[in-house]
Amino acid sequence: MKKRTQNKMKNTIKKTSTFTKVLCVFLFVICCCGGAYATYSITKNDTFELIGESLIELSIGEEYIEQGVKAIAFGKDISSQVIRTGTVDKQTKGEYILKYTVNNFRFKGYTLYKKVVVSE
């Protein structure tokens, strides 16, 4: 039975016209190009970036103003979904690392860092 089905399939493929084969390949290429263009169009303005500098230098007691990040995924502003970990102690000398992540399909696994150096 299996051999009979295979022979039947081979005969069907042989009967398919060259025009039909070319048309199928042409449509496949058009669909692939269309999908690639649509993906590019939807995501061309996506960004996940720090606002301001990635290295901030402060003196002890100087005010630190958090500037945050800008996150746009699929044309929608998702900056409010960004999670920041780490703190800055403006009264204590040291180096502080702030880590920014977002749990979003587009930027899953992306992490941004800002280093704040507090010195005398």
C-alpha atoms as a PDB file:
ATOM      1  CA  MET A   1       0.000   0.000   0.000  1.00  0.00           C
ATOM      2  CA  LYS A   2       2.823   2.391   0.912  1.00  0.00           C
ATOM      3  CA  LYS A   3       4.576   1.740  -2.417  1.00  0.00           C
ATOM      4  CA  ARG A   4       1.342   2.324  -4.338  1.00  0.00           C
ATOM      5  CA  THR A   5       0.861   5.717  -2.594  1.00  0.00           C
ATOM      6  CA  GLN A   6       4.449   6.724  -3.399  1.00  0.00           C
ATOM      7  CA  ASN A   7       4.007   5.805  -7.066  1.00  0.00           C
ATOM      8  CA  LYS A   8       0.758   7.758  -7.206  1.00  0.00           C
ATOM      9  CA  MET A   9       2.490  10.827  -5.762  1.00  0.00           C
ATOM     10  CA  LYS A  10       5.345  10.556  -8.261  1.00  0.00           C
ATOM     11  CA  ASN A  11       2.873  10.364 -11.147  1.00  0.00           C
ATOM     12  CA  THR A  12       0.990  13.403  -9.844  1.00  0.00           C
ATOM     13  CA  ILE A  13       4.236  15.397  -9.612  1.00  0.00           C
ATOM     14  CA  LYS A  14       5.212  14.375 -13.145  1.00  0.00           C
ATOM     15  CA  LYS A  15       1.820  15.550 -14.445  1.00  0.00           C
ATOM     16  CA  THR A  16       2.210  19.014 -12.877  1.00  0.00           C
ATOM     17  CA  SER A  17       2.936  21.541 -15.602  1.00  0.00           C
ATOM     18  CA  THR A  18       6.097  23.629 -15.712  1.00  0.00           C
ATOM     19  CA  PHE A  19       3.973  26.769 -15.558  1.00  0.00           C
ATOM     20  CA  THR A  20       2.425  25.655 -12.257  1.00  0.00           C
ATOM     21  CA  LYS A  21       5.866  24.931 -10.778  1.00  0.00           C
ATOM     22  CA  VAL A  22       7.216  28.319 -11.857  1.00  0.00           C
ATOM     23  CA  LEU A  23       4.102  30.059 -10.552  1.00  0.00           C
ATOM     24  CA  CYS A  24       4.469  28.348  -7.150  1.00  0.00           C
ATOM     25  CA  VAL A  25       8.124  29.380  -6.868  1.00  0.00           C
ATOM     26  CA  PHE A  26       7.280  32.936  -7.953  1.00  0.00           C
ATOM     27  CA  LEU A  27       4.482  33.236  -5.377  1.00  0.00           C
ATOM     28  CA  PHE A  28       6.717  31.799  -2.669  1.00  0.00           C
ATOM     29  CA  VAL A  29       9.421  34.402  -3.391  1.00  0.00           C
ATOM     30  CA  ILE A  30       6.836  37.224  -3.461  1.00  0.00           C
ATOM     31  CA  CYS A  31       5.409  36.112  -0.101  1.00  0.00           C
ATOM     32  CA  CYS A  32       8.868  35.890   1.479  1.00  0.00           C
ATOM     33  CA  CYS A  33       9.789  39.375   0.233  1.00  0.00           C
ATOM     34  CA  GLY A  34       6.443  40.770   1.397  1.00  0.00           C
ATOM     35  CA  GLY A  35       6.885  39.250   4.845  1.00  0.00           C
ATOM     36  CA  ALA A  36      10.409  40.626   5.172  1.00  0.00           C
ATOM     37  CA  TYR A  37       9.248  44.098   4.118  1.00  0.00           C
ATOM     38  CA  ALA A  38       6.290  44.018   6.521  1.00  0.00           C
ATOM     39  CA  THR A  39       8.545  42.992   9.411  1.00  0.00           C
ATOM     40  CA  TYR A  40      11.007  45.762   8.566  1.00  0.00           C
ATOM     41  CA  SER A  41       8.224  48.356   8.320  1.00  0.00           C
ATOM     42  CA  ILE A  42       6.734  47.404  11.680  1.00  0.00           C
ATOM     43  CA  THR A  43      10.057  47.353  13.572  1.00  0.00           C
ATOM     44  CA  LYS A  44      12.154  50.042  11.835  1.00  0.00           C
ATOM     45  CA  ASN A  45      11.613  52.634  14.609  1.00  0.00           C
ATOM     46  CA  ASP A  46      12.020  50.226  17.524  1.00  0.00           C
ATOM     47  CA  THR A  47      14.592  51.287  20.080  1.00  0.00           C
ATOM     48  CA  PHE A  48      15.817  50.476  23.560  1.00  0.00           C
ATOM     49  CA  GLU A  49      18.384  53.065  24.618  1.00  0.00           C
ATOM     50  CA  LEU A  50      19.599  55.070  27.578  1.00  0.00           C
ATOM     51  CA  ILE A  51      18.546  58.687  27.879  1.00  0.00           C
ATOM     52  CA  GLY A  52      21.645  60.703  28.689  1.00  0.00           C
ATOM     53  CA  GLU A  53      25.137  59.368  29.272  1.00  0.00           C
ATOM     54  CA  SER A  54      26.051  55.822  30.260  1.00  0.00           C
ATOM     55  CA  LEU A  55      28.689  57.167  32.697  1.00  0.00           C
ATOM     56  CA  ILE A  56      27.704  59.807  35.246  1.00  0.00           C
ATOM     57  CA  GLU A  57      30.255  61.376  37.613  1.00  0.00           C
ATOM     58  CA  LEU A  58      28.999  63.101  40.780  1.00  0.00           C
ATOM     59  CA  SER A  59      30.543  64.678  43.829  1.00  0.00           C
ATOM     60  CA  ILE A  60      29.408  63.508  47.273  1.00  0.00           C
ATOM     61  CA  GLY A  61      26.051  65.131  48.047  1.00  0.00           C
ATOM     62  CA  GLU A  62      25.463  66.268  44.463  1.00  0.00           C
ATOM     63  CA  GLU A  63      21.961  65.609  43.164  1.00  0.00           C
ATOM     64  CA  TYR A  64      21.460  62.683  40.802  1.00  0.00           C
ATOM     65  CA  ILE A  65      18.556  62.975  38.403  1.00  0.00           C
ATOM     66  CA  GLU A  66      17.420  59.699  36.871  1.00  0.00           C
ATOM     67  CA  GLN A  67      16.875  60.143  33.134  1.00  0.00           C
ATOM     68  CA  GLY A  68      15.773  56.574  32.440  1.00  0.00           C
ATOM     69  CA  VAL A  69      15.514  54.853  29.093  1.00  0.00           C
ATOM     70  CA  LYS A  70      13.507  55.086  25.902  1.00  0.00           C
ATOM     71  CA  ALA A  71      11.879  51.844  24.770  1.00  0.00           C
ATOM     72  CA  ILE A  72       9.702  51.481  21.679  1.00  0.00           C
ATOM     73  CA  ALA A  73       8.607  48.054  20.432  1.00  0.00           C
ATOM     74  CA  PHE A  74       6.457  47.514  17.339  1.00  0.00           C
ATOM     75  CA  GLY A  75       5.687  51.247  17.230  1.00  0.00           C
ATOM     76  CA  LYS A  76       4.390  51.384  20.820  1.00  0.00           C
ATOM     77  CA  ASP A  77       6.138  53.216  23.682  1.00  0.00           C
ATOM     78  CA  ILE A  78       6.883  50.626  26.372  1.00  0.00           C
ATOM     79  CA  SER A  79       9.200  52.789  28.497  1.00  0.00           C
ATOM     80  CA  SER A  80       6.889  52.360  31.490  1.00  0.00           C
ATOM     81  CA  GLN A  81       7.547  48.593  31.393  1.00  0.00           C
ATOM     82  CA  VAL A  82      11.309  48.999  31.871  1.00  0.00           C
ATOM     83  CA  ILE A  83      12.582  47.660  35.189  1.00  0.00           C
ATOM     84  CA  ARG A  84      15.522  49.413  36.828  1.00  0.00           C
ATOM     85  CA  THR A  85      17.600  47.657  39.445  1.00  0.00           C
ATOM     86  CA  GLY A  86      20.348  49.233  41.504  1.00  0.00           C
ATOM     87  CA  THR A  87      20.519  52.417  43.559  1.00  0.00           C
ATOM     88  CA  VAL A  88      22.817  55.406  43.934  1.00  0.00           C
ATOM     89  CA  ASP A  89      23.922  56.579  47.380  1.00  0.00           C
ATOM     90  CA  LYS A  90      24.859  60.230  46.798  1.00  0.00           C
ATOM     91  CA  GLN A  91      26.393  60.475  50.268  1.00  0.00           C
ATOM     92  CA  THR A  92      28.846  57.567  49.903  1.00  0.00           C
ATOM     93  CA  LYS A  93      31.881  57.445  47.633  1.00  0.00           C
ATOM     94  CA  GLY A  94      31.766  54.538  45.189  1.00  0.00           C
ATOM     95  CA  GLU A  95      30.693  53.173  41.838  1.00  0.00           C
ATOM     96  CA  TYR A  96      27.060  52.257  41.322  1.00  0.00           C
ATOM     97  CA  ILE A  97      25.641  50.242  38.430  1.00  0.00           C
ATOM     98  CA  LEU A  98      22.046  50.720  37.329  1.00  0.00           C
ATOM     99  CA  LYS A  99      20.592  47.913  35.229  1.00  0.00           C
ATOM    100  CA  TYR A 100      17.648  48.383  32.873  1.00  0.00           C
ATOM    101  CA  THR A 101      15.652  45.451  31.476  1.00  0.00           C
ATOM    102  CA  VAL A 102      12.274  45.047  29.849  1.00  0.00           C
ATOM    103  CA  ASN A 103      10.184  41.896  29.722  1.00  0.00           C
ATOM    104  CA  ASN A 104       8.904  42.318  26.188  1.00  0.00           C
ATOM    105  CA  PHE A 105       8.906  39.964  23.197  1.00  0.00           C
ATOM    106  CA  ARG A 106      10.949  42.388  21.068  1.00  0.00           C
ATOM    107  CA  PHE A 107      13.670  43.185  23.621  1.00  0.00           C
ATOM    108  CA  LYS A 108      13.674  40.069  25.776  1.00  0.00           C
ATOM    109  CA  GLY A 109      17.240  39.420  26.869  1.00  0.00           C
ATOM    110  CA  TYR A 110      18.415  42.999  26.215  1.00  0.00           C
ATOM    111  CA  THR A 111      20.015  44.795  29.140  1.00  0.00           C
ATOM    112  CA  LEU A 112      21.346  48.341  29.403  1.00  0.00           C
ATOM    113  CA  TYR A 113      23.697  49.615  32.088  1.00  0.00           C
ATOM    114  CA  LYS A 114      24.441  53.045  33.502  1.00  0.00           C
ATOM    115  CA  LYS A 115      27.452  53.593  35.755  1.00  0.00           C
ATOM    116  CA  VAL A 116      27.312  56.347  38.371  1.00  0.00           C
ATOM    117  CA  VAL A 117      30.582  57.273  40.075  1.00  0.00           C
ATOM    118  CA  VAL A 118      30.338  59.259  43.309  1.00  0.00           C
ATOM    119  CA  SER A 119      33.657  60.812  44.343  1.00  0.00           C
ATOM    120  CA  GLU A 120      34.932  63.547  46.649  1.00  0.00           C
END
